[in-house]
Amino acid sequence: MGKILDGKSLANLRAQKLKKEVEILKQDGINPLFCVINIGDDPASKVYVKTKKRRAQEMGIEQKIYQLPSTESEESVLNLIDKLNQDPSVHGIMVQMPTPEQINVNHLLERIDPEKDVDGLTPTNIGHLWQSDHFVEPATAIGIMKLLEHYKINVAGKNVAIIGRSNIVGKPLAALMLEKDASVSVLHSKTKSLSTYTRMADIIIVAAGQENLLTSEMVKKGAVVIDVGINRVEGHLVGDVDFKQVLSKARWITPVPGGVGPLTVELLMEQVVKLTRRAHGIK
């Protein structure tokens, strides 16, 4: 029977330390501030934005939400980003995805000052990530690495299968795993026979957004399984892993909810503080 990788408890543990860091900054007259640009009425996006704001308030971090209509032009959003880039009181900027079809999100990310890039998704910071010379990283990817580190799960020399190649999770996670000397396979919708790779994997990360994508037959006994998926089924949140069945074979496994999600929000807050300290020349 697998043991649970409790992301929620780790997020709360890290939050205690972060809250103290914010208090010290405020004593010195420094107020961490990050801005979230949300375009349109995507229900999931609005939930994520509210969750981030609640967590920010708990940490003493100020968050400003720029809620823009779905008809907003790309030029208008770019002008807003320029304004926030030039505002010294703003320490972090992020664009909530997805964006409406008339807006190319890559153009928005290219415009964000890398020194205010909370998500670690600007071309500059992605380049630094692949060069193993990074200061900020996509929150979910670094959250997974922190979770493994906390539970003393060493990835060096291990076979790692990542299902999903998004710029937010799959690709940056591959870079972070390679940096820690893992052997990485990045799997996706065009991969033939996922199980050929997953059965050989010591660590499997699933971030595809498909309920029960990973079944027990695809997992070798003693593997570590990390579920990044969030799917709403009959009013309940479930991941991409057939949790009950895989639990009996895995050595460690994350639940949904309560696994990776809380860490993603926590690491986002930590990166706001990192960027704030960096902006003020504090190591």
C-alpha atoms as a PDB file:
ATOM      1  CA  MET A   1       0.000   0.000   0.000  1.00  0.00           C
ATOM      2  CA  GLY A   2       1.419   3.360  -1.042  1.00  0.00           C
ATOM      3  CA  LYS A   3       2.187   6.247   1.271  1.00  0.00           C
ATOM      4  CA  ILE A   4       0.662   9.665   0.687  1.00  0.00           C
ATOM      5  CA  LEU A   5       2.747  12.599  -0.487  1.00  0.00           C
ATOM      6  CA  ASP A   6       0.904  15.315   1.424  1.00  0.00           C
ATOM      7  CA  GLY A   7       1.341  18.536  -0.518  1.00  0.00           C
ATOM      8  CA  LYS A   8      -1.125  20.436   1.612  1.00  0.00           C
ATOM      9  CA  SER A   9       0.784  19.905   4.857  1.00  0.00           C
ATOM     10  CA  LEU A  10       4.082  20.805   3.178  1.00  0.00           C
ATOM     11  CA  ALA A  11       2.537  23.964   1.712  1.00  0.00           C
ATOM     12  CA  ASN A  12       1.327  24.995   5.169  1.00  0.00           C
ATOM     13  CA  LEU A  13       4.754  24.275   6.657  1.00  0.00           C
ATOM     14  CA  ARG A  14       6.501  26.421   4.065  1.00  0.00           C
ATOM     15  CA  ALA A  15       3.873  29.130   4.462  1.00  0.00           C
ATOM     16  CA  GLN A  16       4.796  29.609   8.132  1.00  0.00           C
ATOM     17  CA  LYS A  17       8.344  30.497   7.145  1.00  0.00           C
ATOM     18  CA  LEU A  18       7.218  32.686   4.258  1.00  0.00           C
ATOM     19  CA  LYS A  19       4.847  34.669   6.438  1.00  0.00           C
ATOM     20  CA  LYS A  20       7.723  35.556   8.753  1.00  0.00           C
ATOM     21  CA  GLU A  21       9.821  36.658   5.765  1.00  0.00           C
ATOM     22  CA  VAL A  22       7.029  38.975   4.634  1.00  0.00           C
ATOM     23  CA  GLU A  23       6.704  40.429   8.127  1.00  0.00           C
ATOM     24  CA  ILE A  24      10.423  41.254   8.157  1.00  0.00           C
ATOM     25  CA  LEU A  25      10.188  42.921   4.751  1.00  0.00           C
ATOM     26  CA  LYS A  26       7.260  45.029   5.905  1.00  0.00           C
ATOM     27  CA  GLN A  27       9.178  46.117   8.993  1.00  0.00           C
ATOM     28  CA  ASP A  28      11.734  47.547   6.561  1.00  0.00           C
ATOM     29  CA  GLY A  29       9.008  49.347   4.612  1.00  0.00           C
ATOM     30  CA  ILE A  30       8.923  46.840   1.745  1.00  0.00           C
ATOM     31  CA  ASN A  31       5.471  45.608   0.713  1.00  0.00           C
ATOM     32  CA  PRO A  32       5.434  42.623  -1.696  1.00  0.00           C
ATOM     33  CA  LEU A  33       2.907  43.267  -4.464  1.00  0.00           C
ATOM     34  CA  PHE A  34       1.992  41.154  -7.446  1.00  0.00           C
ATOM     35  CA  CYS A  35      -0.559  41.712 -10.161  1.00  0.00           C
ATOM     36  CA  VAL A  36      -2.718  39.120 -11.885  1.00  0.00           C
ATOM     37  CA  ILE A  37      -4.213  39.838 -15.304  1.00  0.00           C
ATOM     38  CA  ASN A  38      -7.300  37.746 -15.970  1.00  0.00           C
ATOM     39  CA  ILE A  39      -8.992  38.179 -19.341  1.00  0.00           C
ATOM     40  CA  GLY A  40     -12.505  36.844 -19.863  1.00  0.00           C
ATOM     41  CA  ASP A  41     -14.921  34.763 -17.815  1.00  0.00           C
ATOM     42  CA  ASP A  42     -13.368  31.306 -17.662  1.00  0.00           C
ATOM     43  CA  PRO A  43     -14.885  29.778 -14.462  1.00  0.00           C
ATOM     44  CA  ALA A  44     -11.761  27.794 -13.529  1.00  0.00           C
ATOM     45  CA  SER A  45      -9.556  30.856 -13.970  1.00  0.00           C
ATOM     46  CA  LYS A  46     -11.723  32.888 -11.636  1.00  0.00           C
ATOM     47  CA  VAL A  47     -11.483  30.164  -8.990  1.00  0.00           C
ATOM     48  CA  TYR A  48      -7.685  30.038  -9.329  1.00  0.00           C
ATOM     49  CA  VAL A  49      -7.414  33.807  -9.055  1.00  0.00           C
ATOM     50  CA  LYS A  50      -9.531  33.865  -5.893  1.00  0.00           C
ATOM     51  CA  THR A  51      -7.476  31.034  -4.390  1.00  0.00           C
ATOM     52  CA  LYS A  52      -4.249  32.924  -5.060  1.00  0.00           C
ATOM     53  CA  LYS A  53      -5.649  36.112  -3.580  1.00  0.00           C
ATOM     54  CA  ARG A  54      -6.773  34.328  -0.425  1.00  0.00           C
ATOM     55  CA  ARG A  55      -3.352  32.744   0.005  1.00  0.00           C
ATOM     56  CA  ALA A  56      -1.622  36.055  -0.640  1.00  0.00           C
ATOM     57  CA  GLN A  57      -3.699  37.728   2.068  1.00  0.00           C
ATOM     58  CA  GLU A  58      -2.796  34.970   4.514  1.00  0.00           C
ATOM     59  CA  MET A  59       0.890  35.630   3.789  1.00  0.00           C
ATOM     60  CA  GLY A  60       0.557  39.413   4.034  1.00  0.00           C
ATOM     61  CA  ILE A  61       1.228  39.816   0.298  1.00  0.00           C
ATOM     62  CA  GLU A  62      -0.795  42.362  -1.642  1.00  0.00           C
ATOM     63  CA  GLN A  63      -2.389  41.144  -4.861  1.00  0.00           C
ATOM     64  CA  LYS A  64      -4.090  43.301  -7.453  1.00  0.00           C
ATOM     65  CA  ILE A  65      -6.418  41.626  -9.928  1.00  0.00           C
ATOM     66  CA  TYR A  66      -6.954  43.195 -13.318  1.00  0.00           C
ATOM     67  CA  GLN A  67     -10.179  41.580 -14.509  1.00  0.00           C
ATOM     68  CA  LEU A  68     -10.548  42.401 -18.203  1.00  0.00           C
ATOM     69  CA  PRO A  69     -13.456  41.594 -20.530  1.00  0.00           C
ATOM     70  CA  SER A  70     -13.193  38.737 -23.018  1.00  0.00           C
ATOM     71  CA  THR A  71     -13.287  41.313 -25.830  1.00  0.00           C
ATOM     72  CA  GLU A  72     -10.129  43.082 -24.635  1.00  0.00           C
ATOM     73  CA  SER A  73      -7.584  43.689 -27.384  1.00  0.00           C
ATOM     74  CA  GLU A  74      -4.060  42.321 -27.255  1.00  0.00           C
ATOM     75  CA  GLU A  75      -2.643  45.821 -27.630  1.00  0.00           C
ATOM     76  CA  SER A  76      -4.566  47.000 -24.579  1.00  0.00           C
ATOM     77  CA  VAL A  77      -3.217  44.140 -22.457  1.00  0.00           C
ATOM     78  CA  LEU A  78       0.330  44.789 -23.687  1.00  0.00           C
ATOM     79  CA  ASN A  79      -0.043  48.436 -22.662  1.00  0.00           C
ATOM     80  CA  LEU A  80      -1.156  47.327 -19.192  1.00  0.00           C
ATOM     81  CA  ILE A  81       1.883  45.056 -18.879  1.00  0.00           C
ATOM     82  CA  ASP A  82       4.144  47.954 -19.908  1.00  0.00           C
ATOM     83  CA  LYS A  83       2.587  50.085 -17.183  1.00  0.00           C
ATOM     84  CA  LEU A  84       3.109  47.399 -14.532  1.00  0.00           C
ATOM     85  CA  ASN A  85       6.684  46.795 -15.705  1.00  0.00           C
ATOM     86  CA  GLN A  86       7.466  50.457 -15.126  1.00  0.00           C
ATOM     87  CA  ASP A  87       5.832  50.632 -11.685  1.00  0.00           C
ATOM     88  CA  PRO A  88       8.546  50.084  -9.012  1.00  0.00           C
ATOM     89  CA  SER A  89       5.931  49.122  -6.418  1.00  0.00           C
ATOM     90  CA  VAL A  90       4.964  46.046  -8.493  1.00  0.00           C
ATOM     91  CA  HIS A  91       7.223  43.059  -7.823  1.00  0.00           C
ATOM     92  CA  GLY A  92       5.431  40.353  -9.780  1.00  0.00           C
ATOM     93  CA  ILE A  93       3.190  40.054 -12.831  1.00  0.00           C
ATOM     94  CA  MET A  94       1.312  37.042 -14.137  1.00  0.00           C
ATOM     95  CA  VAL A  95      -1.229  36.392 -16.874  1.00  0.00           C
ATOM     96  CA  GLN A  96      -3.936  33.882 -15.973  1.00  0.00           C
ATOM     97  CA  MET A  97      -4.398  31.312 -18.701  1.00  0.00           C
ATOM     98  CA  PRO A  98      -6.235  30.530 -20.919  1.00  0.00           C
ATOM     99  CA  THR A  99      -6.662  33.808 -22.763  1.00  0.00           C
ATOM    100  CA  PRO A 100      -9.340  34.615 -25.390  1.00  0.00           C
ATOM    101  CA  GLU A 101      -8.590  33.581 -28.965  1.00  0.00           C
ATOM    102  CA  GLN A 102      -7.829  37.110 -30.185  1.00  0.00           C
ATOM    103  CA  ILE A 103      -4.893  37.298 -27.777  1.00  0.00           C
ATOM    104  CA  ASN A 104      -1.607  35.462 -28.315  1.00  0.00           C
ATOM    105  CA  VAL A 105      -0.462  34.606 -24.802  1.00  0.00           C
ATOM    106  CA  ASN A 106       3.150  34.261 -25.987  1.00  0.00           C
ATOM    107  CA  HIS A 107       3.136  37.926 -26.944  1.00  0.00           C
ATOM    108  CA  LEU A 108       2.025  38.793 -23.411  1.00  0.00           C
ATOM    109  CA  LEU A 109       4.682  36.623 -21.790  1.00  0.00           C
ATOM    110  CA  GLU A 110       7.381  38.128 -24.013  1.00  0.00           C
ATOM    111  CA  ARG A 111       6.363  41.575 -22.773  1.00  0.00           C
ATOM    112  CA  ILE A 112       6.629  40.834 -19.030  1.00  0.00           C
ATOM    113  CA  ASP A 113       9.859  42.029 -17.427  1.00  0.00           C
ATOM    114  CA  PRO A 114      11.787  38.822 -16.532  1.00  0.00           C
ATOM    115  CA  GLU A 115      12.564  40.418 -13.170  1.00  0.00           C
ATOM    116  CA  LYS A 116       8.809  40.486 -12.432  1.00  0.00           C
ATOM    117  CA  ASP A 117       7.969  37.117 -13.966  1.00  0.00           C
ATOM    118  CA  VAL A 118       6.240  35.291 -11.107  1.00  0.00           C
ATOM    119  CA  ASP A 119       5.327  32.296 -13.305  1.00  0.00           C
ATOM    120  CA  GLY A 120       8.824  31.848 -14.735  1.00  0.00           C
ATOM    121  CA  LEU A 121       7.341  31.669 -18.234  1.00  0.00           C
ATOM    122  CA  THR A 122       9.026  34.510 -20.089  1.00  0.00           C
ATOM    123  CA  PRO A 123      11.377  33.360 -22.870  1.00  0.00           C
ATOM    124  CA  THR A 124      14.328  34.718 -20.876  1.00  0.00           C
ATOM    125  CA  ASN A 125      13.505  32.747 -17.744  1.00  0.00           C
ATOM    126  CA  ILE A 126      12.662  29.565 -19.663  1.00  0.00           C
ATOM    127  CA  GLY A 127      16.067  29.875 -21.314  1.00  0.00           C
ATOM    128  CA  HIS A 128      17.740  30.260 -17.927  1.00  0.00           C
ATOM    129  CA  LEU A 129      15.851  27.189 -16.718  1.00  0.00           C
ATOM    130  CA  TRP A 130      17.249  24.986 -19.492  1.00  0.00           C
ATOM    131  CA  GLN A 131      20.726  26.366 -18.836  1.00  0.00           C
ATOM    132  CA  SER A 132      20.420  25.427 -15.140  1.00  0.00           C
ATOM    133  CA  ASP A 133      20.922  29.082 -14.261  1.00  0.00           C
ATOM    134  CA  HIS A 134      17.474  30.050 -13.015  1.00  0.00           C
ATOM    135  CA  PHE A 135      16.059  32.316 -10.338  1.00  0.00           C
ATOM    136  CA  VAL A 136      12.350  31.650 -10.848  1.00  0.00           C
ATOM    137  CA  GLU A 137      10.591  28.551 -12.143  1.00  0.00           C
ATOM    138  CA  PRO A 138       7.014  27.604 -13.105  1.00  0.00           C
ATOM    139  CA  ALA A 139       5.320  27.042  -9.751  1.00  0.00           C
ATOM    140  CA  THR A 140       3.850  23.580 -10.331  1.00  0.00           C
ATOM    141  CA  ALA A 141       7.123  22.174 -11.637  1.00  0.00           C
ATOM    142  CA  ILE A 142       9.241  23.515  -8.777  1.00  0.00           C
ATOM    143  CA  GLY A 143       6.507  22.521  -6.316  1.00  0.00           C
ATOM    144  CA  ILE A 144       6.833  18.899  -7.436  1.00  0.00           C
ATOM    145  CA  MET A 145      10.605  19.041  -6.959  1.00  0.00           C
ATOM    146  CA  LYS A 146      10.171  20.488  -3.456  1.00  0.00           C
ATOM    147  CA  LEU A 147       7.670  17.750  -2.604  1.00  0.00           C
ATOM    148  CA  LEU A 148      10.101  15.004  -3.648  1.00  0.00           C
ATOM    149  CA  GLU A 149      12.913  16.714  -1.765  1.00  0.00           C
ATOM    150  CA  HIS A 150      10.812  17.007   1.404  1.00  0.00           C
ATOM    151  CA  TYR A 151      10.049  13.288   1.387  1.00  0.00           C
ATOM    152  CA  LYS A 152      13.709  12.500   0.619  1.00  0.00           C
ATOM    153  CA  ILE A 153      12.942  10.925  -2.746  1.00  0.00           C
ATOM    154  CA  ASN A 154      16.157  11.195  -4.749  1.00  0.00           C
ATOM    155  CA  VAL A 155      15.671  11.499  -8.516  1.00  0.00           C
ATOM    156  CA  ALA A 156      19.325  11.099  -9.539  1.00  0.00           C
ATOM    157  CA  GLY A 157      19.746   8.095 -11.824  1.00  0.00           C
ATOM    158  CA  LYS A 158      16.015   7.348 -11.769  1.00  0.00           C
ATOM    159  CA  ASN A 159      13.819   6.768 -14.809  1.00  0.00           C
ATOM    160  CA  VAL A 160      11.195   9.533 -14.864  1.00  0.00           C
ATOM    161  CA  ALA A 161       8.137   9.504 -17.112  1.00  0.00           C
ATOM    162  CA  ILE A 162       6.289  12.802 -17.519  1.00  0.00           C
ATOM    163  CA  ILE A 163       2.896  12.542 -19.218  1.00  0.00           C
ATOM    164  CA  GLY A 164       2.118  15.964 -20.664  1.00  0.00           C
ATOM    165  CA  ARG A 165       4.365  18.454 -22.459  1.00  0.00           C
ATOM    166  CA  SER A 166       2.849  21.806 -21.522  1.00  0.00           C
ATOM    167  CA  ASN A 167       5.010  24.888 -21.040  1.00  0.00           C
ATOM    168  CA  ILE A 168       3.603  25.174 -17.524  1.00  0.00           C
ATOM    169  CA  VAL A 169       4.337  21.685 -16.183  1.00  0.00           C
ATOM    170  CA  GLY A 170       5.781  19.040 -18.504  1.00  0.00           C
ATOM    171  CA  LYS A 171       8.612  20.906 -20.219  1.00  0.00           C
ATOM    172  CA  PRO A 172       9.936  22.869 -17.209  1.00  0.00           C
ATOM    173  CA  LEU A 173       9.669  19.784 -15.014  1.00  0.00           C
ATOM    174  CA  ALA A 174      11.769  17.858 -17.534  1.00  0.00           C
ATOM    175  CA  ALA A 175      14.447  20.558 -17.288  1.00  0.00           C
ATOM    176  CA  LEU A 176      14.424  20.456 -13.476  1.00  0.00           C
ATOM    177  CA  MET A 177      14.596  16.650 -13.444  1.00  0.00           C
ATOM    178  CA  LEU A 178      17.511  16.619 -15.882  1.00  0.00           C
ATOM    179  CA  GLU A 179      19.270  19.155 -13.691  1.00  0.00           C
ATOM    180  CA  LYS A 180      19.008  16.652 -10.821  1.00  0.00           C
ATOM    181  CA  ASP A 181      20.464  13.839 -12.986  1.00  0.00           C
ATOM    182  CA  ALA A 182      17.252  11.930 -13.722  1.00  0.00           C
ATOM    183  CA  SER A 183      16.700  10.120 -17.037  1.00  0.00           C
ATOM    184  CA  VAL A 184      13.553  11.719 -18.443  1.00  0.00           C
ATOM    185  CA  SER A 185      10.901  10.629 -20.962  1.00  0.00           C
ATOM    186  CA  VAL A 186       8.320  13.250 -21.919  1.00  0.00           C
ATOM    187  CA  LEU A 187       5.150  11.526 -23.153  1.00  0.00           C
ATOM    188  CA  HIS A 188       2.190  13.073 -24.937  1.00  0.00           C
ATOM    189  CA  SER A 189      -0.854  12.461 -27.117  1.00  0.00           C
ATOM    190  CA  LYS A 190       1.278  11.236 -30.041  1.00  0.00           C
ATOM    191  CA  THR A 191       3.309   8.807 -27.959  1.00  0.00           C
ATOM    192  CA  LYS A 192       2.780   5.205 -28.996  1.00  0.00           C
ATOM    193  CA  SER A 193       2.114   2.871 -26.062  1.00  0.00           C
ATOM    194  CA  LEU A 194       2.414   5.028 -22.948  1.00  0.00           C
ATOM    195  CA  SER A 195       2.706   1.911 -20.811  1.00  0.00           C
ATOM    196  CA  THR A 196       5.969   0.929 -22.504  1.00  0.00           C
ATOM    197  CA  TYR A 197       7.529   3.941 -20.814  1.00  0.00           C
ATOM    198  CA  THR A 198       5.534   4.105 -17.588  1.00  0.00           C
ATOM    199  CA  ARG A 199       6.194   0.455 -16.649  1.00  0.00           C
ATOM    200  CA  MET A 200       9.923   1.200 -16.668  1.00  0.00           C
ATOM    201  CA  ALA A 201       9.590   4.433 -14.710  1.00  0.00           C
ATOM    202  CA  ASP A 202      10.656   4.846 -11.094  1.00  0.00           C
ATOM    203  CA  ILE A 203       8.784   8.162 -10.952  1.00  0.00           C
ATOM    204  CA  ILE A 204       5.677   9.017 -12.977  1.00  0.00           C
ATOM    205  CA  ILE A 205       4.200  12.513 -13.205  1.00  0.00           C
ATOM    206  CA  VAL A 206       0.824  12.827 -14.932  1.00  0.00           C
ATOM    207  CA  ALA A 207      -0.321  16.250 -16.136  1.00  0.00           C
ATOM    208  CA  ALA A 208      -2.653  15.556 -19.040  1.00  0.00           C
ATOM    209  CA  GLY A 209      -6.132  16.492 -17.802  1.00  0.00           C
ATOM    210  CA  GLN A 210      -7.702  13.109 -18.464  1.00  0.00           C
ATOM    211  CA  GLU A 211      -9.494  11.144 -15.774  1.00  0.00           C
ATOM    212  CA  ASN A 212      -8.032   7.673 -15.017  1.00  0.00           C
ATOM    213  CA  LEU A 213      -5.362   8.027 -17.690  1.00  0.00           C
ATOM    214  CA  LEU A 214      -2.824   6.187 -15.558  1.00  0.00           C
ATOM    215  CA  THR A 215      -4.037   2.755 -14.424  1.00  0.00           C
ATOM    216  CA  SER A 216      -2.420   0.194 -12.148  1.00  0.00           C
ATOM    217  CA  GLU A 217      -1.394  -1.980 -15.113  1.00  0.00           C
ATOM    218  CA  MET A 218       0.791   0.903 -16.332  1.00  0.00           C
ATOM    219  CA  VAL A 219       2.728   1.223 -13.068  1.00  0.00           C
ATOM    220  CA  LYS A 220       5.504  -0.981 -11.756  1.00  0.00           C
ATOM    221  CA  LYS A 221       5.430  -1.957  -8.102  1.00  0.00           C
ATOM    222  CA  GLY A 222       7.207   0.540  -5.884  1.00  0.00           C
ATOM    223  CA  ALA A 223       6.973   3.518  -8.267  1.00  0.00           C
ATOM    224  CA  VAL A 224       6.405   7.103  -7.143  1.00  0.00           C
ATOM    225  CA  VAL A 225       3.283   8.590  -8.747  1.00  0.00           C
ATOM    226  CA  ILE A 226       2.530  12.305  -8.833  1.00  0.00           C
ATOM    227  CA  ASP A 227      -0.871  13.392 -10.129  1.00  0.00           C
ATOM    228  CA  VAL A 228      -1.114  16.951 -11.430  1.00  0.00           C
ATOM    229  CA  GLY A 229      -4.467  16.488 -13.161  1.00  0.00           C
ATOM    230  CA  ILE A 230      -7.648  18.215 -12.029  1.00  0.00           C
ATOM    231  CA  ASN A 231     -10.917  16.907 -13.452  1.00  0.00           C
ATOM    232  CA  ARG A 232     -14.417  17.550 -12.155  1.00  0.00           C
ATOM    233  CA  VAL A 233     -16.493  14.364 -12.229  1.00  0.00           C
ATOM    234  CA  GLU A 234     -20.016  14.274 -10.790  1.00  0.00           C
ATOM    235  CA  GLY A 235     -19.274  17.270  -8.613  1.00  0.00           C
ATOM    236  CA  HIS A 236     -15.984  15.895  -7.275  1.00  0.00           C
ATOM    237  CA  LEU A 237     -12.382  16.707  -8.122  1.00  0.00           C
ATOM    238  CA  VAL A 238     -10.291  13.800  -9.352  1.00  0.00           C
ATOM    239  CA  GLY A 239      -6.885  13.578 -10.959  1.00  0.00           C
ATOM    240  CA  ASP A 240      -5.444  11.784 -13.963  1.00  0.00           C
ATOM    241  CA  VAL A 241      -4.575   8.670 -11.951  1.00  0.00           C
ATOM    242  CA  ASP A 242      -6.850   5.776 -11.035  1.00  0.00           C
ATOM    243  CA  PHE A 243      -5.976   6.523  -7.421  1.00  0.00           C
ATOM    244  CA  LYS A 244      -7.536   3.555  -5.586  1.00  0.00           C
ATOM    245  CA  GLN A 245      -6.003   0.970  -7.899  1.00  0.00           C
ATOM    246  CA  VAL A 246      -2.580   2.606  -8.268  1.00  0.00           C
ATOM    247  CA  LEU A 247      -2.347   3.157  -4.506  1.00  0.00           C
ATOM    248  CA  SER A 248      -1.870  -0.591  -3.996  1.00  0.00           C
ATOM    249  CA  LYS A 249       1.203  -0.653  -6.286  1.00  0.00           C
ATOM    250  CA  ALA A 250       2.898   2.694  -5.718  1.00  0.00           C
ATOM    251  CA  ARG A 251       5.409   3.351  -2.967  1.00  0.00           C
ATOM    252  CA  TRP A 252       4.392   7.017  -2.824  1.00  0.00           C
ATOM    253  CA  ILE A 253       1.427   8.788  -4.414  1.00  0.00           C
ATOM    254  CA  THR A 254      -0.194  12.232  -4.341  1.00  0.00           C
ATOM    255  CA  PRO A 255      -3.920  12.637  -3.736  1.00  0.00           C
ATOM    256  CA  VAL A 256      -6.246  14.962  -5.655  1.00  0.00           C
ATOM    257  CA  PRO A 257      -7.102  17.309  -4.105  1.00  0.00           C
ATOM    258  CA  GLY A 258      -4.435  17.956  -1.459  1.00  0.00           C
ATOM    259  CA  GLY A 259      -1.347  16.955  -3.417  1.00  0.00           C
ATOM    260  CA  VAL A 260       0.336  19.214  -5.938  1.00  0.00           C
ATOM    261  CA  GLY A 261      -2.310  21.970  -6.022  1.00  0.00           C
ATOM    262  CA  PRO A 262      -1.600  23.615  -2.642  1.00  0.00           C
ATOM    263  CA  LEU A 263       2.123  23.592  -3.382  1.00  0.00           C
ATOM    264  CA  THR A 264       1.602  25.349  -6.704  1.00  0.00           C
ATOM    265  CA  VAL A 265      -0.096  28.276  -4.963  1.00  0.00           C
ATOM    266  CA  GLU A 266       2.473  28.316  -2.148  1.00  0.00           C
ATOM    267  CA  LEU A 267       5.476  28.330  -4.512  1.00  0.00           C
ATOM    268  CA  LEU A 268       3.863  31.161  -6.453  1.00  0.00           C
ATOM    269  CA  MET A 269       3.769  33.208  -3.242  1.00  0.00           C
ATOM    270  CA  GLU A 270       7.375  32.303  -2.486  1.00  0.00           C
ATOM    271  CA  GLN A 271       8.434  33.542  -5.905  1.00  0.00           C
ATOM    272  CA  VAL A 272       6.680  36.856  -5.322  1.00  0.00           C
ATOM    273  CA  VAL A 273       8.793  37.271  -2.205  1.00  0.00           C
ATOM    274  CA  LYS A 274      11.968  36.157  -3.998  1.00  0.00           C
ATOM    275  CA  LEU A 275      11.393  38.755  -6.699  1.00  0.00           C
ATOM    276  CA  THR A 276      10.597  41.401  -4.076  1.00  0.00           C
ATOM    277  CA  ARG A 277      13.851  40.716  -2.241  1.00  0.00           C
ATOM    278  CA  ARG A 278      15.784  40.729  -5.503  1.00  0.00           C
ATOM    279  CA  ALA A 279      14.253  44.061  -6.555  1.00  0.00           C
ATOM    280  CA  HIS A 280      15.470  45.599  -3.297  1.00  0.00           C
ATOM    281  CA  GLY A 281      18.919  44.008  -3.403  1.00  0.00           C
ATOM    282  CA  ILE A 282      18.235  41.631  -0.502  1.00  0.00           C
ATOM    283  CA  LYS A 283      19.776  38.147  -0.691  1.00  0.00           C
END
